[in-house]
Amino acid sequence: MKQKNVDVAIVGYGPVSKQLATLLGKKGWNVSVHERFPAPYPLPRAVHFDDEIARILQSILPSKDIERNTDVAKDLYEWCNADRQLLLSLDFSAYGVSG
């Protein structure tokens, strides 16, 4: 394999790495991403969505794509294990400082 010079090497291709690679690429950086698994992880890993996450996603995706690919709970935030057993339930019915 021919060696390639890159500005940034990212190890792992989860949700955060995908976002980082996209943002760096849009800024003109030469990025190389390396993942050891042949298929994407089948369960959600990016589970928090707030105003900061919304702004980051809006910098690379159209709003319709964010809405289509995001399951945002309006009043309830629940964490489940791989067997879908409830581990934690939080009530978010009140508005936060960011709305």
N, C-alpha and C. Protein backbone atom coordinates (compact mmCIF):
# COMPACT_ATOMS: atom_id res chain seq x y z
N MET A 1 0.83 -1.17 0.00
CA MET A 1 0.00 0.00 0.00
C MET A 1 0.89 1.25 0.00
N LYS A 2 0.55 2.19 -0.85
CA LYS A 2 1.31 3.43 -0.93
C LYS A 2 1.01 4.31 0.29
N GLN A 3 2.07 4.85 0.89
CA GLN A 3 1.91 5.71 2.04
C GLN A 3 1.39 7.08 1.61
N LYS A 4 0.45 7.61 2.38
CA LYS A 4 -0.16 8.89 2.06
C LYS A 4 0.04 9.85 3.24
N ASN A 5 0.47 11.06 2.97
CA ASN A 5 0.60 12.06 4.02
C ASN A 5 -0.75 12.71 4.27
N VAL A 6 -1.12 12.79 5.54
CA VAL A 6 -2.38 13.42 5.92
C VAL A 6 -2.11 14.44 7.02
N ASP A 7 -3.04 15.38 7.18
CA ASP A 7 -2.94 16.35 8.26
C ASP A 7 -3.42 15.78 9.58
N VAL A 8 -4.49 14.98 9.50
CA VAL A 8 -5.11 14.42 10.70
C VAL A 8 -5.47 12.97 10.45
N ALA A 9 -5.11 12.08 11.38
CA ALA A 9 -5.52 10.68 11.34
C ALA A 9 -6.49 10.46 12.50
N ILE A 10 -7.66 9.93 12.18
CA ILE A 10 -8.68 9.66 13.20
C ILE A 10 -8.83 8.15 13.32
N VAL A 11 -8.74 7.65 14.56
CA VAL A 11 -8.89 6.22 14.81
C VAL A 11 -10.27 5.99 15.40
N GLY A 12 -11.06 5.17 14.71
CA GLY A 12 -12.44 4.91 15.11
C GLY A 12 -13.37 5.75 14.27
N TYR A 13 -14.50 5.16 13.85
CA TYR A 13 -15.41 5.89 12.98
C TYR A 13 -16.83 5.87 13.55
N GLY A 14 -16.92 6.32 14.79
CA GLY A 14 -18.23 6.46 15.43
C GLY A 14 -18.83 7.82 15.10
N PRO A 15 -19.93 8.17 15.74
CA PRO A 15 -20.63 9.43 15.44
C PRO A 15 -19.75 10.67 15.61
N VAL A 16 -18.97 10.72 16.65
CA VAL A 16 -18.13 11.90 16.89
C VAL A 16 -17.00 11.97 15.86
N SER A 17 -16.40 10.84 15.55
CA SER A 17 -15.33 10.82 14.54
C SER A 17 -15.85 11.20 13.16
N LYS A 18 -17.04 10.74 12.82
CA LYS A 18 -17.65 11.11 11.53
C LYS A 18 -17.83 12.62 11.45
N GLN A 19 -18.34 13.18 12.53
CA GLN A 19 -18.55 14.64 12.58
C GLN A 19 -17.22 15.38 12.47
N LEU A 20 -16.24 14.94 13.22
CA LEU A 20 -14.92 15.58 13.19
C LEU A 20 -14.30 15.50 11.81
N ALA A 21 -14.34 14.33 11.19
CA ALA A 21 -13.77 14.18 9.85
C ALA A 21 -14.46 15.10 8.85
N THR A 22 -15.76 15.21 8.94
CA THR A 22 -16.52 16.08 8.03
C THR A 22 -16.15 17.54 8.24
N LEU A 23 -16.13 17.98 9.49
CA LEU A 23 -15.80 19.38 9.77
C LEU A 23 -14.38 19.73 9.34
N LEU A 24 -13.42 18.86 9.63
CA LEU A 24 -12.03 19.12 9.23
C LEU A 24 -11.90 19.12 7.71
N GLY A 25 -12.57 18.19 7.04
CA GLY A 25 -12.53 18.14 5.58
C GLY A 25 -13.11 19.40 4.95
N LYS A 26 -14.19 19.91 5.53
CA LYS A 26 -14.79 21.15 5.01
C LYS A 26 -13.87 22.35 5.19
N LYS A 27 -12.97 22.26 6.17
CA LYS A 27 -12.00 23.34 6.40
C LYS A 27 -10.73 23.17 5.57
N GLY A 28 -10.68 22.12 4.76
CA GLY A 28 -9.54 21.91 3.86
C GLY A 28 -8.45 21.01 4.39
N TRP A 29 -8.66 20.38 5.55
CA TRP A 29 -7.67 19.46 6.09
C TRP A 29 -7.74 18.13 5.35
N ASN A 30 -6.59 17.48 5.16
CA ASN A 30 -6.52 16.16 4.57
C ASN A 30 -6.65 15.15 5.70
N VAL A 31 -7.78 14.43 5.75
CA VAL A 31 -8.12 13.57 6.89
C VAL A 31 -8.14 12.10 6.46
N SER A 32 -7.60 11.26 7.31
CA SER A 32 -7.65 9.81 7.11
C SER A 32 -8.34 9.19 8.33
N VAL A 33 -9.36 8.36 8.09
CA VAL A 33 -10.10 7.72 9.17
C VAL A 33 -9.87 6.22 9.11
N HIS A 34 -9.62 5.63 10.26
CA HIS A 34 -9.32 4.19 10.34
C HIS A 34 -10.26 3.53 11.34
N GLU A 35 -10.95 2.48 10.88
CA GLU A 35 -11.90 1.75 11.72
C GLU A 35 -11.58 0.27 11.65
N ARG A 36 -11.58 -0.41 12.78
CA ARG A 36 -11.23 -1.83 12.79
C ARG A 36 -12.39 -2.76 12.46
N PHE A 37 -13.63 -2.29 12.63
CA PHE A 37 -14.78 -3.15 12.37
C PHE A 37 -15.30 -2.93 10.95
N PRO A 38 -15.73 -4.00 10.27
CA PRO A 38 -16.16 -3.88 8.87
C PRO A 38 -17.55 -3.27 8.69
N ALA A 39 -18.39 -3.26 9.74
CA ALA A 39 -19.75 -2.73 9.62
C ALA A 39 -20.01 -1.74 10.75
N PRO A 40 -20.92 -0.81 10.54
CA PRO A 40 -21.24 0.15 11.60
C PRO A 40 -21.81 -0.54 12.84
N TYR A 41 -21.56 0.04 14.00
CA TYR A 41 -22.12 -0.45 15.26
C TYR A 41 -23.64 -0.35 15.18
N PRO A 42 -24.38 -1.42 15.52
CA PRO A 42 -25.82 -1.46 15.26
C PRO A 42 -26.71 -0.70 16.26
N LEU A 43 -26.16 -0.21 17.36
CA LEU A 43 -26.97 0.48 18.37
C LEU A 43 -26.57 1.95 18.47
N PRO A 44 -27.47 2.80 18.93
CA PRO A 44 -27.14 4.23 19.06
C PRO A 44 -25.98 4.46 20.02
N ARG A 45 -25.11 5.40 19.66
CA ARG A 45 -24.01 5.77 20.55
C ARG A 45 -24.04 7.26 20.87
N ALA A 46 -24.50 8.07 19.96
CA ALA A 46 -24.62 9.50 20.22
C ALA A 46 -26.03 9.73 20.76
N VAL A 47 -26.16 9.81 22.07
CA VAL A 47 -27.49 9.79 22.66
C VAL A 47 -27.92 11.11 23.28
N HIS A 48 -27.10 12.13 23.21
CA HIS A 48 -27.46 13.41 23.81
C HIS A 48 -27.68 14.45 22.72
N PHE A 49 -28.75 15.22 22.83
CA PHE A 49 -29.07 16.23 21.82
C PHE A 49 -29.47 17.51 22.54
N ASP A 50 -28.66 18.55 22.40
CA ASP A 50 -29.00 19.84 22.99
C ASP A 50 -28.69 20.94 21.98
N ASP A 51 -28.72 22.19 22.41
CA ASP A 51 -28.50 23.30 21.49
C ASP A 51 -27.13 23.27 20.84
N GLU A 52 -26.10 22.88 21.56
CA GLU A 52 -24.75 22.82 21.00
C GLU A 52 -24.64 21.72 19.95
N ILE A 53 -25.19 20.56 20.25
CA ILE A 53 -25.17 19.46 19.29
C ILE A 53 -25.96 19.85 18.04
N ALA A 54 -27.09 20.52 18.22
CA ALA A 54 -27.89 20.96 17.07
C ALA A 54 -27.09 21.91 16.18
N ARG A 55 -26.35 22.84 16.77
CA ARG A 55 -25.54 23.77 15.97
C ARG A 55 -24.43 23.05 15.21
N ILE A 56 -23.80 22.08 15.86
CA ILE A 56 -22.74 21.32 15.20
C ILE A 56 -23.31 20.55 14.01
N LEU A 57 -24.43 19.86 14.22
CA LEU A 57 -25.03 19.10 13.13
C LEU A 57 -25.51 20.01 12.00
N GLN A 58 -26.04 21.18 12.34
CA GLN A 58 -26.51 22.11 11.31
C GLN A 58 -25.38 22.66 10.46
N SER A 59 -24.15 22.56 10.96
CA SER A 59 -23.01 23.06 10.17
C SER A 59 -22.67 22.13 9.01
N ILE A 60 -23.17 20.88 9.04
CA ILE A 60 -22.85 19.96 7.94
C ILE A 60 -24.06 19.29 7.30
N LEU A 61 -25.22 19.36 7.95
CA LEU A 61 -26.40 18.67 7.43
C LEU A 61 -27.57 19.63 7.26
N PRO A 62 -28.39 19.42 6.24
CA PRO A 62 -29.64 20.17 6.15
C PRO A 62 -30.58 19.79 7.30
N SER A 63 -31.38 20.72 7.76
CA SER A 63 -32.29 20.48 8.90
C SER A 63 -33.18 19.27 8.67
N LYS A 64 -33.65 19.07 7.44
CA LYS A 64 -34.55 17.93 7.17
C LYS A 64 -33.84 16.60 7.42
N ASP A 65 -32.53 16.53 7.17
CA ASP A 65 -31.78 15.31 7.43
C ASP A 65 -31.59 15.08 8.92
N ILE A 66 -31.39 16.16 9.67
CA ILE A 66 -31.25 16.03 11.12
C ILE A 66 -32.56 15.51 11.71
N GLU A 67 -33.68 16.10 11.30
CA GLU A 67 -34.98 15.68 11.82
C GLU A 67 -35.28 14.23 11.46
N ARG A 68 -34.95 13.83 10.23
CA ARG A 68 -35.25 12.47 9.78
C ARG A 68 -34.41 11.42 10.52
N ASN A 69 -33.19 11.78 10.92
CA ASN A 69 -32.28 10.81 11.53
C ASN A 69 -32.14 10.95 13.04
N THR A 70 -32.98 11.76 13.64
CA THR A 70 -32.88 12.01 15.07
C THR A 70 -34.20 11.69 15.74
N ASP A 71 -34.13 10.91 16.79
CA ASP A 71 -35.32 10.61 17.58
C ASP A 71 -35.20 11.42 18.87
N VAL A 72 -35.81 12.59 18.87
CA VAL A 72 -35.69 13.50 20.02
C VAL A 72 -36.93 13.37 20.88
N ALA A 73 -36.74 12.97 22.12
CA ALA A 73 -37.84 12.89 23.07
C ALA A 73 -38.17 14.29 23.58
N LYS A 74 -39.43 14.63 23.59
CA LYS A 74 -39.82 15.97 24.01
C LYS A 74 -39.82 16.13 25.53
N ASP A 75 -40.35 15.15 26.23
CA ASP A 75 -40.48 15.27 27.68
C ASP A 75 -39.77 14.19 28.48
N LEU A 76 -39.34 13.15 27.81
CA LEU A 76 -38.78 12.01 28.53
C LEU A 76 -37.50 11.54 27.85
N TYR A 77 -36.49 11.28 28.65
CA TYR A 77 -35.20 10.82 28.15
C TYR A 77 -34.93 9.47 28.79
N GLU A 78 -34.93 8.40 28.00
CA GLU A 78 -34.77 7.07 28.55
C GLU A 78 -33.55 6.37 27.97
N TRP A 79 -32.81 5.71 28.83
CA TRP A 79 -31.67 4.90 28.41
C TRP A 79 -32.06 3.44 28.60
N CYS A 80 -31.80 2.64 27.55
CA CYS A 80 -32.08 1.21 27.62
C CYS A 80 -30.82 0.44 27.26
N ASN A 81 -30.75 -0.81 27.71
CA ASN A 81 -29.61 -1.64 27.32
C ASN A 81 -29.91 -2.31 25.99
N ALA A 82 -29.03 -3.19 25.55
CA ALA A 82 -29.18 -3.84 24.24
C ALA A 82 -30.44 -4.69 24.15
N ASP A 83 -30.96 -5.14 25.30
CA ASP A 83 -32.20 -5.92 25.33
C ASP A 83 -33.42 -5.03 25.48
N ARG A 84 -33.21 -3.71 25.36
CA ARG A 84 -34.27 -2.71 25.47
C ARG A 84 -34.90 -2.64 26.86
N GLN A 85 -34.15 -3.07 27.88
CA GLN A 85 -34.61 -2.94 29.26
C GLN A 85 -34.26 -1.53 29.74
N LEU A 86 -35.21 -0.88 30.40
CA LEU A 86 -35.03 0.49 30.87
C LEU A 86 -33.97 0.55 31.96
N LEU A 87 -32.98 1.42 31.77
CA LEU A 87 -31.92 1.62 32.75
C LEU A 87 -32.09 2.94 33.51
N LEU A 88 -32.55 3.96 32.81
CA LEU A 88 -32.65 5.30 33.39
C LEU A 88 -33.75 6.08 32.67
N SER A 89 -34.53 6.82 33.44
CA SER A 89 -35.58 7.64 32.85
C SER A 89 -35.51 9.03 33.49
N LEU A 90 -35.41 10.07 32.64
CA LEU A 90 -35.32 11.45 33.13
C LEU A 90 -36.44 12.28 32.52
N ASP A 91 -37.07 13.12 33.36
CA ASP A 91 -38.14 14.00 32.90
C ASP A 91 -37.55 15.32 32.45
N PHE A 92 -37.73 15.68 31.16
CA PHE A 92 -37.24 16.93 30.62
C PHE A 92 -38.39 17.80 30.12
N SER A 93 -39.50 17.79 30.84
CA SER A 93 -40.66 18.54 30.38
C SER A 93 -40.50 20.05 30.56
N ALA A 94 -39.61 20.49 31.45
CA ALA A 94 -39.38 21.92 31.65
C ALA A 94 -38.31 22.42 30.67
N TYR A 95 -38.41 23.69 30.27
CA TYR A 95 -37.42 24.27 29.38
C TYR A 95 -36.12 24.53 30.12
N GLY A 96 -34.99 24.29 29.44
CA GLY A 96 -33.67 24.57 30.00
C GLY A 96 -33.23 25.97 29.64
N VAL A 97 -32.00 26.33 30.01
CA VAL A 97 -31.48 27.68 29.75
C VAL A 97 -31.37 27.96 28.26
N SER A 98 -31.25 26.92 27.44
CA SER A 98 -31.11 27.11 26.00
C SER A 98 -32.44 26.96 25.26
N GLY A 99 -33.51 26.76 25.99
CA GLY A 99 -34.81 26.55 25.35
C GLY A 99 -35.03 25.11 25.11
